Amino acid sequence: MNLLVEINHLVHKRTDDLLELTEDMEKEISNALGHGPQDEILSSAFKLRITRGDIQTLRNYHWLNDEVINFYMNLLVERNKRQGYPALYAFSTFFYPKLKSGGYQAVKRWKKGSKVHWSLVAIDLRKRCLKYLDSMGQKGHRICEILLQYLQDESKTKRNIDLNLLEWTHYSMKPQEILQQLNGSNCGMFTCKYADYISRDKPITFTQHQMPLFRKKMVWEILHQQLL
């Protein structure tokens, strides 16, 4: 299952990725990751509800689920509405599987209204290119082709304009070009951080060793519905 991030004119904006958590933040995070009713709603926004069970997929070595990833992507979109950030649209994690199985007719109204390997496709409208990012080094040539056809269908339907596909390129980033995960459980975190860095036009410089901190920060960010 793949997540799509669509990006417009990008502007560099630096934030401190080394921010340490306070004692109060650590306690709040620990409480959310601790014992309690699995169906207890801990955060609600973007027409999404995050339960304690969802939050607990952010424990170390756990696989992130759709709810957590979709919520985090919406936080990125909200951040990028501020001045100085690029225009950003993040598709739901359910978008690509629906597009692949049902074609354009299955998703043409999309923007209106288990253990899976996570990867990311970033569409840069400035450069007319699609990049596939996979923290396990897999290639996404066919995925990019399907999404490029979606862009063509969307342009015809919404703007009555045919894209010149010869002007578009797509590319699977190689393992030596982007940081790779060192275990079998961090693909969701890598996907989220790829999106975070790309949406700030920032080089991807984080490492596997930062994942425990990133997981904790994401718990706090989801609880408070804002990025650190």
Protein backbone atom coordinates (compact mmCIF):
# COMPACT_ATOMS: atom_id res chain seq x y z
CA MET A 1 0.00 0.00 0.00
CA ASN A 2 1.45 3.32 -1.03
CA LEU A 3 1.03 6.89 0.07
CA LEU A 4 1.04 9.78 -2.35
CA VAL A 5 2.16 13.29 -1.56
CA GLU A 6 1.53 15.97 -4.17
CA ILE A 7 3.80 19.02 -3.96
CA ASN A 8 3.64 22.49 -5.51
CA HIS A 9 6.19 25.33 -5.48
CA LEU A 10 8.63 24.44 -2.75
CA VAL A 11 10.34 26.83 -0.37
CA HIS A 12 13.06 25.83 2.08
CA LYS A 13 12.08 26.11 5.73
CA ARG A 14 14.41 24.86 8.45
CA THR A 15 13.22 23.30 11.69
CA ASP A 16 15.12 21.71 14.52
CA ASP A 17 14.87 17.93 14.17
CA LEU A 18 17.01 17.42 17.26
CA LEU A 19 14.42 18.90 19.63
CA GLU A 20 14.52 17.06 22.95
CA LEU A 21 11.35 16.14 24.79
CA THR A 22 10.58 17.67 28.18
CA GLU A 23 9.81 15.58 31.24
CA ASP A 24 6.12 16.49 31.00
CA MET A 25 6.04 15.49 27.34
CA GLU A 26 7.71 12.17 28.15
CA LYS A 27 5.07 11.46 30.81
CA GLU A 28 2.22 12.28 28.45
CA ILE A 29 3.71 10.07 25.74
CA SER A 30 4.25 7.23 28.20
CA ASN A 31 0.63 7.45 29.36
CA ALA A 32 -0.65 7.28 25.78
CA LEU A 33 1.51 4.25 25.05
CA GLY A 34 0.56 2.59 28.34
CA HIS A 35 -2.31 0.43 29.47
CA GLY A 36 -5.89 1.52 28.87
CA PRO A 37 -8.95 0.76 26.73
CA GLN A 38 -7.77 0.09 23.18
CA ASP A 39 -10.81 1.86 21.72
CA GLU A 40 -10.34 5.02 23.82
CA ILE A 41 -10.17 8.03 21.49
CA LEU A 42 -7.04 10.07 22.26
CA SER A 43 -7.19 12.54 19.37
CA SER A 44 -9.75 13.58 16.79
CA ALA A 45 -9.24 15.87 13.77
CA PHE A 46 -9.37 15.85 9.95
CA LYS A 47 -12.45 13.57 10.20
CA LEU A 48 -10.14 10.97 11.74
CA ARG A 49 -10.16 9.44 15.20
CA ILE A 50 -7.02 8.07 16.80
CA THR A 51 -7.54 5.46 19.50
CA ARG A 52 -5.11 4.23 22.11
CA GLY A 53 -4.71 1.12 19.99
CA ASP A 54 -3.71 3.27 17.01
CA ILE A 55 -1.24 5.29 19.06
CA GLN A 56 0.36 2.12 20.34
CA THR A 57 1.48 1.23 16.82
CA LEU A 58 4.06 3.97 17.52
CA ARG A 59 5.77 1.82 20.12
CA ASN A 60 9.30 0.83 19.13
CA TYR A 61 9.44 -2.01 16.58
CA HIS A 62 5.70 -1.83 15.85
CA TRP A 63 4.23 -1.29 12.39
CA LEU A 64 2.36 2.00 11.92
CA ASN A 65 -1.24 1.65 10.77
CA ASP A 66 -3.28 3.62 8.23
CA GLU A 67 -4.91 5.84 10.85
CA VAL A 68 -1.62 7.07 12.31
CA ILE A 69 -0.03 7.70 8.91
CA ASN A 70 -3.08 9.50 7.51
CA PHE A 71 -3.34 11.68 10.63
CA TYR A 72 0.35 12.60 10.44
CA MET A 73 0.10 13.46 6.74
CA ASN A 74 -2.78 15.79 7.55
CA LEU A 75 -0.57 17.48 10.14
CA LEU A 76 2.01 18.07 7.40
CA VAL A 77 -0.69 19.58 5.17
CA GLU A 78 -1.85 21.88 7.99
CA ARG A 79 1.72 23.01 8.67
CA ASN A 80 2.28 23.78 5.01
CA LYS A 81 -0.70 26.13 4.91
CA ARG A 82 1.45 28.63 6.78
CA GLN A 83 3.39 31.31 4.94
CA GLY A 84 6.78 30.20 3.68
CA TYR A 85 5.85 26.54 3.21
CA PRO A 86 4.97 24.81 -0.08
CA ALA A 87 1.44 24.03 -1.16
CA LEU A 88 0.88 20.40 -0.25
CA TYR A 89 -1.77 17.73 -0.73
CA ALA A 90 -1.48 14.27 0.82
CA PHE A 91 -3.65 11.46 -0.48
CA SER A 92 -5.07 8.89 1.90
CA THR A 93 -3.20 5.60 2.20
CA PHE A 94 -6.33 4.00 0.72
CA PHE A 95 -6.03 6.02 -2.51
CA TYR A 96 -3.47 4.02 -4.47
CA PRO A 97 -4.93 0.54 -3.81
CA LYS A 98 -8.33 1.87 -4.92
CA LEU A 99 -6.82 3.48 -8.03
CA LYS A 100 -4.91 0.32 -8.91
CA SER A 101 -7.92 -1.98 -8.55
CA GLY A 102 -10.69 0.28 -9.85
CA GLY A 103 -9.00 2.78 -12.16
CA TYR A 104 -9.71 6.49 -12.38
CA GLN A 105 -13.49 6.08 -12.06
CA ALA A 106 -12.96 4.66 -8.57
CA VAL A 107 -11.05 7.71 -7.31
CA LYS A 108 -12.12 10.69 -9.42
CA ARG A 109 -14.10 12.12 -6.47
CA TRP A 110 -11.42 11.23 -3.93
CA LYS A 111 -10.20 14.75 -3.27
CA LYS A 112 -13.77 15.85 -2.48
CA GLY A 113 -14.77 14.56 0.25
CA SER A 114 -2.75 -5.31 9.03
CA LYS A 115 0.98 -5.31 8.32
CA VAL A 116 1.79 -3.53 5.12
CA HIS A 117 5.04 -2.30 3.66
CA TRP A 118 4.86 1.48 3.40
CA SER A 119 6.52 3.54 0.68
CA LEU A 120 6.05 7.04 -0.73
CA VAL A 121 5.48 8.65 -4.10
CA ALA A 122 6.25 12.38 -4.21
CA ILE A 123 4.84 14.34 -7.14
CA ASP A 124 6.65 17.61 -7.81
CA LEU A 125 4.44 19.71 -10.07
CA ARG A 126 7.20 22.27 -10.59
CA LYS A 127 9.56 19.78 -12.15
CA ARG A 128 6.89 17.53 -13.63
CA CYS A 129 8.35 14.48 -11.97
CA LEU A 130 7.36 11.61 -9.71
CA LYS A 131 9.80 10.09 -7.24
CA TYR A 132 9.30 6.74 -5.56
CA LEU A 133 10.94 6.42 -2.14
CA ASP A 134 11.22 3.02 -0.49
CA SER A 135 13.18 2.42 2.70
CA MET A 136 13.84 -1.18 1.64
CA GLY A 137 15.16 -0.28 -1.80
CA GLN A 138 12.29 -1.65 -3.86
CA LYS A 139 11.48 -0.08 -7.22
CA GLY A 140 8.15 1.57 -8.04
CA HIS A 141 8.22 1.95 -11.82
CA ARG A 142 4.74 0.49 -12.34
CA ILE A 143 3.33 2.46 -9.40
CA CYS A 144 4.59 5.73 -10.91
CA GLU A 145 3.13 4.82 -14.31
CA ILE A 146 -0.30 4.25 -12.75
CA LEU A 147 -0.12 7.56 -10.87
CA LEU A 148 1.04 9.44 -13.96
CA GLN A 149 -1.98 8.10 -15.82
CA TYR A 150 -4.13 9.30 -12.90
CA LEU A 151 -2.67 12.81 -13.31
CA GLN A 152 -3.50 12.68 -17.01
CA ASP A 153 -7.09 11.59 -16.31
CA GLU A 154 -7.46 14.20 -13.56
CA SER A 155 -6.22 16.96 -15.87
CA LYS A 156 -8.65 15.93 -18.61
CA THR A 157 -11.59 15.71 -16.20
CA LYS A 158 -10.97 18.81 -14.08
CA ARG A 159 -9.24 21.17 -16.56
CA ASN A 160 -10.04 19.69 -19.97
CA ILE A 161 -6.31 19.74 -20.70
CA ASP A 162 -4.14 16.87 -21.90
CA LEU A 163 -0.81 16.58 -20.12
CA ASN A 164 2.22 16.26 -22.35
CA LEU A 165 3.53 13.05 -20.84
CA LEU A 166 6.83 13.51 -22.67
CA GLU A 167 7.49 16.41 -20.29
CA TRP A 168 7.06 14.17 -17.23
CA THR A 169 9.61 11.84 -15.68
CA HIS A 170 9.43 9.24 -12.93
CA TYR A 171 12.20 7.68 -10.95
CA SER A 172 12.72 5.15 -8.16
CA MET A 173 15.32 6.48 -5.77
CA LYS A 174 18.19 4.06 -5.24
CA PRO A 175 19.19 2.73 -1.79
CA GLN A 176 22.41 4.75 -1.89
CA GLU A 177 20.42 7.93 -2.55
CA ILE A 178 18.10 7.81 0.46
CA LEU A 179 18.47 6.42 3.94
CA GLN A 180 17.31 2.83 4.37
CA GLN A 181 15.74 1.11 7.36
CA LEU A 182 17.82 -1.40 9.29
CA ASN A 183 14.94 -3.47 10.67
CA GLY A 184 11.61 -4.82 9.48
CA SER A 185 9.28 -2.45 11.32
CA ASN A 186 10.26 1.14 10.50
CA CYS A 187 8.97 1.50 6.93
CA GLY A 188 5.97 3.55 8.11
CA MET A 189 8.19 5.91 10.08
CA PHE A 190 10.58 6.30 7.15
CA THR A 191 7.64 7.03 4.85
CA CYS A 192 6.34 9.74 7.19
CA LYS A 193 9.77 11.33 7.62
CA TYR A 194 10.47 11.20 3.88
CA ALA A 195 7.23 13.17 3.41
CA ASP A 196 8.15 15.58 6.22
CA TYR A 197 11.56 16.40 4.76
CA ILE A 198 10.44 16.55 1.12
CA SER A 199 7.51 18.83 1.97
CA ARG A 200 10.04 21.29 3.45
CA ASP A 201 12.34 20.94 0.43
CA LYS A 202 14.94 19.61 2.82
CA PRO A 203 17.61 16.96 2.13
CA ILE A 204 16.78 13.61 3.71
CA THR A 205 19.40 13.41 6.44
CA PHE A 206 17.74 11.56 9.32
CA THR A 207 18.99 8.14 10.41
CA GLN A 208 17.61 4.86 11.72
CA HIS A 209 18.95 5.79 15.17
CA GLN A 210 16.53 8.74 15.38
CA MET A 211 13.46 6.54 14.95
CA PRO A 212 12.75 6.00 18.68
CA LEU A 213 12.73 9.79 19.20
CA PHE A 214 10.65 10.36 16.06
CA ARG A 215 8.11 7.81 17.28
CA LYS A 216 7.76 9.59 20.63
CA LYS A 217 7.49 12.97 18.95
CA MET A 218 4.78 11.65 16.65
CA VAL A 219 2.76 10.46 19.65
CA TRP A 220 2.89 13.97 21.13
CA GLU A 221 2.16 15.60 17.77
CA ILE A 222 -0.93 13.46 17.22
CA LEU A 223 -2.19 14.06 20.76
CA HIS A 224 -1.76 17.84 20.38
CA GLN A 225 -2.59 17.98 16.67
CA GLN A 226 0.49 20.03 15.87
CA LEU A 227 4.02 19.35 14.70
CA LEU A 228 7.02 20.04 16.88
